[in-house]
Amino acid sequence: MSANFQDRDLVIPGDVVYEGRIRTGENTYRNQDQVYATRLGLVTYSPDNVQVVALASGYVPLVGDLVIGEVFDIELGEWKINIGAQSEAVMGIPDAVDRPFRTEFVMTRVLDVGDTIIAKIVDLDRRRTPILSILGPGLGRINDGFIMRITPSKIPRLIGKKGSMINMIIKETGCRVVIGQNGRILVSGPSREREEMAVKVVNKIEEEAHTSGLTNRTQEFLRQLKERSR
């Protein structure tokens, strides 16, 4: 039994990523004793599983995900929110203000069409519609900073092992960086210059997510950006 690539190596459809008995994960399939990749992406290995994280894929909502979305409609008792998934998300009054729905409640006092929010997915209904909540620390309407977007499948690379990559960006730029699992990222910093620095670093990580040695290159890139800003 053996892995044919290093963890997080780039693979293409048809590559044999493992030979032997192991569970097949996302974007892989087995043919006898060989496991093949079905998508262009980064192969990842665990003791009992092999999968390929696609480099270009849409967002698949999961309960517990932190997401950033925009309110695009209001109906009786609920807001409809675009989170970049196949179906729109919804949020009821109890998940926004922790009180029961009443017909006289003025929903636009809490959130209006066009507002952008940080929320958590607390449930998926029978149609797999994401149910959101803004109850909790750090959640709710975004009032400053700006939103950038990257491919959702590259979010793990941006976060890094045990948060190493994103913590380095926050420390070196002084910016608040909130990462939505749906590929939307809030950047808010002490100055426009610092925000632009963080955006450049995030863009670099997205472009080079499939390469090795990215942490060291990112660290050097940050150093160069800070020197230019002096």
Protein backbone atom coordinates (compact mmCIF):
# COMPACT_ATOMS: atom_id res chain seq x y z
CA MET A 1 0.00 0.00 0.00
CA SER A 2 1.45 3.35 -0.96
CA ALA A 3 0.66 6.95 -1.79
CA ASN A 4 1.93 7.96 -5.21
CA PHE A 5 2.16 11.68 -4.41
CA GLN A 6 3.15 13.93 -1.52
CA ASP A 7 0.32 15.41 0.55
CA ARG A 8 -1.19 18.44 -1.24
CA ASP A 9 0.54 17.70 -4.55
CA LEU A 10 -1.29 18.82 -7.69
CA VAL A 11 -2.99 15.96 -9.56
CA ILE A 12 -5.02 15.73 -12.75
CA PRO A 13 -7.94 13.45 -13.71
CA GLY A 14 -6.67 9.91 -14.30
CA ASP A 15 -3.68 10.12 -11.97
CA VAL A 16 -3.26 7.10 -9.72
CA VAL A 17 -3.09 8.72 -6.29
CA TYR A 18 -2.95 5.53 -4.20
CA GLU A 19 -2.30 1.82 -4.64
CA GLY A 20 -3.78 -0.56 -2.10
CA ARG A 21 -6.73 -0.68 0.31
CA ILE A 22 -7.92 2.70 1.57
CA ARG A 23 -11.22 4.57 1.73
CA THR A 24 -11.87 6.83 -1.26
CA GLY A 25 -12.94 10.40 -0.57
CA GLU A 26 -14.12 13.31 -2.69
CA ASN A 27 -13.09 13.41 -6.36
CA THR A 28 -11.55 9.93 -6.35
CA TYR A 29 -12.67 6.45 -7.42
CA ARG A 30 -11.31 2.93 -7.09
CA ASN A 31 -10.53 0.45 -9.86
CA GLN A 32 -9.37 -2.79 -8.27
CA ASP A 33 -6.34 -1.86 -6.13
CA GLN A 34 -5.76 1.58 -7.60
CA VAL A 35 -7.40 4.89 -6.61
CA TYR A 36 -7.73 7.53 -9.34
CA ALA A 37 -8.30 11.29 -9.27
CA THR A 38 -11.40 12.58 -11.08
CA ARG A 39 -10.72 16.34 -10.78
CA LEU A 40 -7.82 18.74 -11.09
CA GLY A 41 -6.85 19.53 -7.52
CA LEU A 42 -4.71 18.91 -4.46
CA VAL A 43 -4.47 15.33 -3.22
CA THR A 44 -4.69 14.94 0.56
CA TYR A 45 -3.98 11.82 2.57
CA SER A 46 -5.07 10.73 6.03
CA PRO A 47 -4.37 7.36 7.69
CA ASP A 48 -7.55 5.79 6.27
CA ASN A 49 -8.66 8.11 3.47
CA VAL A 50 -7.49 9.77 0.26
CA GLN A 51 -9.29 12.64 -1.47
CA VAL A 52 -8.72 15.41 -3.99
CA VAL A 53 -9.63 18.99 -3.16
CA ALA A 54 -10.78 20.47 -6.46
CA LEU A 55 -9.06 23.71 -7.45
CA ALA A 56 -12.14 25.10 -9.17
CA SER A 57 -15.37 24.14 -7.50
CA GLY A 58 -18.50 25.73 -6.14
CA TYR A 59 -19.43 26.04 -2.50
CA VAL A 60 -21.23 23.12 -0.84
CA PRO A 61 -22.84 24.27 2.44
CA LEU A 62 -22.26 22.30 5.64
CA VAL A 63 -23.78 22.77 9.09
CA GLY A 64 -21.34 24.74 11.24
CA ASP A 65 -19.79 26.68 8.37
CA LEU A 66 -19.08 30.36 8.85
CA VAL A 67 -20.28 32.24 5.75
CA ILE A 68 -20.50 35.78 4.44
CA GLY A 69 -23.60 36.63 2.45
CA GLU A 70 -25.80 39.43 1.17
CA VAL A 71 -29.50 39.93 1.88
CA PHE A 72 -31.31 40.05 -1.47
CA ASP A 73 -34.97 39.68 -0.44
CA ILE A 74 -37.27 39.85 2.57
CA GLU A 75 -40.39 37.73 2.93
CA LEU A 76 -42.81 37.29 5.80
CA GLY A 77 -40.70 36.27 8.79
CA GLU A 78 -37.44 35.55 6.97
CA TRP A 79 -34.56 37.07 5.06
CA LYS A 80 -33.21 35.47 1.88
CA ILE A 81 -29.44 35.57 1.62
CA ASN A 82 -27.03 34.89 -1.22
CA ILE A 83 -24.04 32.88 0.02
CA GLY A 84 -22.82 31.71 -3.39
CA ALA A 85 -24.28 28.23 -3.04
CA GLN A 86 -26.54 26.40 -5.48
CA SER A 87 -29.58 27.46 -3.46
CA GLU A 88 -30.11 30.67 -1.52
CA ALA A 89 -29.91 30.63 2.27
CA VAL A 90 -32.69 31.77 4.59
CA MET A 91 -32.76 33.19 8.11
CA GLY A 92 -35.83 33.56 10.32
CA ILE A 93 -36.41 36.15 13.02
CA PRO A 94 -35.59 33.74 15.91
CA ASP A 95 -32.12 33.18 14.39
CA ALA A 96 -31.51 36.91 14.04
CA VAL A 97 -32.89 38.51 17.21
CA ASP A 98 -33.71 35.49 19.42
CA ARG A 99 -37.39 36.26 19.70
CA PRO A 100 -40.55 34.69 18.18
CA PHE A 101 -41.98 35.97 14.93
CA ARG A 102 -44.75 38.57 15.24
CA THR A 103 -46.50 40.10 12.23
CA GLU A 104 -45.88 43.65 13.50
CA PHE A 105 -42.11 43.11 13.71
CA VAL A 106 -40.26 45.52 11.36
CA MET A 107 -37.61 43.29 9.82
CA THR A 108 -35.72 46.09 8.06
CA ARG A 109 -34.74 47.50 11.45
CA VAL A 110 -32.49 44.46 11.81
CA LEU A 111 -31.41 43.75 8.23
CA ASP A 112 -32.39 45.29 4.92
CA VAL A 113 -31.89 44.27 1.29
CA GLY A 114 -28.28 44.92 0.34
CA ASP A 115 -26.87 44.34 3.82
CA THR A 116 -23.88 42.00 4.07
CA ILE A 117 -23.63 39.67 7.06
CA ILE A 118 -21.37 37.18 8.76
CA ALA A 119 -23.46 34.16 9.75
CA LYS A 120 -23.30 30.51 10.68
CA ILE A 121 -25.12 27.66 9.00
CA VAL A 122 -27.13 26.06 11.79
CA ASP A 123 -29.19 23.61 9.74
CA LEU A 124 -30.03 22.30 6.28
CA ASP A 125 -33.68 21.63 5.53
CA ARG A 126 -35.01 18.66 3.55
CA ARG A 127 -34.23 20.49 0.31
CA ARG A 128 -30.68 21.19 1.52
CA THR A 129 -31.50 24.89 1.91
CA PRO A 130 -28.98 26.45 4.33
CA ILE A 131 -30.54 27.92 7.48
CA LEU A 132 -28.46 30.78 8.88
CA SER A 133 -28.09 32.43 12.27
CA ILE A 134 -26.38 35.64 13.38
CA LEU A 135 -26.74 34.88 17.08
CA GLY A 136 -23.26 34.71 18.56
CA PRO A 137 -20.05 36.70 18.93
CA GLY A 138 -18.61 38.13 15.73
CA LEU A 139 -21.79 37.51 13.74
CA GLY A 140 -24.20 40.02 12.22
CA ARG A 141 -24.17 42.91 9.79
CA ILE A 142 -20.84 44.09 8.39
CA ASN A 143 -20.41 47.83 8.80
CA ASP A 144 -16.83 48.40 7.65
CA GLY A 145 -14.08 46.88 5.54
CA PHE A 146 -14.72 45.24 2.19
CA ILE A 147 -15.38 41.80 0.79
CA MET A 148 -13.12 39.84 -1.55
CA ARG A 149 -13.77 36.43 -3.04
CA ILE A 150 -11.62 33.38 -3.74
CA THR A 151 -12.37 29.85 -4.88
CA PRO A 152 -14.01 28.06 -1.90
CA SER A 153 -11.84 24.95 -2.30
CA LYS A 154 -8.74 27.06 -1.61
CA ILE A 155 -9.93 28.25 1.80
CA PRO A 156 -8.03 25.48 3.69
CA ARG A 157 -4.80 26.65 2.03
CA LEU A 158 -5.50 30.25 3.09
CA ILE A 159 -6.12 29.16 6.67
CA GLY A 160 -3.06 26.91 6.79
CA LYS A 161 -2.24 24.15 9.25
CA LYS A 162 -3.68 25.08 12.65
CA GLY A 163 -4.39 28.57 11.30
CA SER A 164 -0.71 29.30 10.62
CA MET A 165 -1.18 31.10 7.30
CA ILE A 166 -4.09 33.37 8.22
CA ASN A 167 -2.59 34.18 11.62
CA MET A 168 0.61 35.31 9.89
CA ILE A 169 -1.38 37.62 7.59
CA ILE A 170 -3.31 39.12 10.51
CA LYS A 171 -0.15 39.65 12.57
CA GLU A 172 1.88 41.22 9.75
CA THR A 173 -0.86 43.48 8.33
CA GLY A 174 -2.77 44.36 11.50
CA CYS A 175 -6.01 43.67 9.65
CA ARG A 176 -9.10 41.86 10.78
CA VAL A 177 -9.61 39.02 8.31
CA VAL A 178 -12.82 36.97 8.54
CA ILE A 179 -12.88 33.92 6.29
CA GLY A 180 -16.19 32.53 5.08
CA GLN A 181 -16.14 28.89 4.05
CA ASN A 182 -18.07 30.03 0.98
CA GLY A 183 -14.98 31.82 -0.35
CA ARG A 184 -15.95 35.34 0.73
CA ILE A 185 -13.48 37.15 2.94
CA LEU A 186 -13.90 40.32 4.99
CA VAL A 187 -10.80 42.51 5.22
CA SER A 188 -10.85 45.44 7.63
CA GLY A 189 -7.67 47.22 8.71
CA PRO A 190 -6.23 50.32 10.37
CA SER A 191 -5.57 51.92 6.96
CA ARG A 192 -6.34 51.45 3.29
CA GLU A 193 -2.69 50.64 2.69
CA ARG A 194 -2.76 47.78 5.20
CA GLU A 195 -6.01 46.43 3.75
CA GLU A 196 -4.51 46.43 0.25
CA MET A 197 -1.49 44.58 1.61
CA ALA A 198 -3.70 41.85 3.04
CA VAL A 199 -5.65 41.60 -0.23
CA LYS A 200 -2.45 41.17 -2.26
CA VAL A 201 -1.31 38.36 0.03
CA VAL A 202 -4.66 36.56 -0.15
CA ASN A 203 -4.64 36.81 -3.95
CA LYS A 204 -1.12 35.37 -4.06
CA ILE A 205 -2.18 32.42 -1.92
CA GLU A 206 -5.17 31.73 -4.17
CA GLU A 207 -3.01 31.83 -7.31
CA GLU A 208 -0.33 29.55 -5.83
CA ALA A 209 -2.48 27.28 -3.65
CA HIS A 210 -1.40 24.20 -5.61
CA THR A 211 2.33 24.75 -5.05
CA SER A 212 4.65 23.64 -2.27
CA GLY A 213 6.70 25.98 -0.08
CA LEU A 214 3.89 28.55 -0.14
CA THR A 215 4.21 29.55 3.52
CA ASN A 216 7.84 30.63 3.15
CA ARG A 217 7.10 32.52 -0.08
CA THR A 218 4.15 34.25 1.53
CA GLN A 219 6.28 35.31 4.47
CA GLU A 220 8.89 36.78 2.12
CA PHE A 221 6.17 38.48 0.06
CA LEU A 222 4.80 40.12 3.19
CA ARG A 223 8.28 41.32 4.14
CA GLN A 224 8.73 42.91 0.72
CA LEU A 225 5.33 44.61 0.87
CA LYS A 226 6.11 46.09 4.30
CA GLU A 227 9.50 47.37 3.12
CA ARG A 228 7.89 49.13 0.13
CA SER A 229 5.37 50.81 2.41
CA ARG A 230 8.02 52.42 4.62
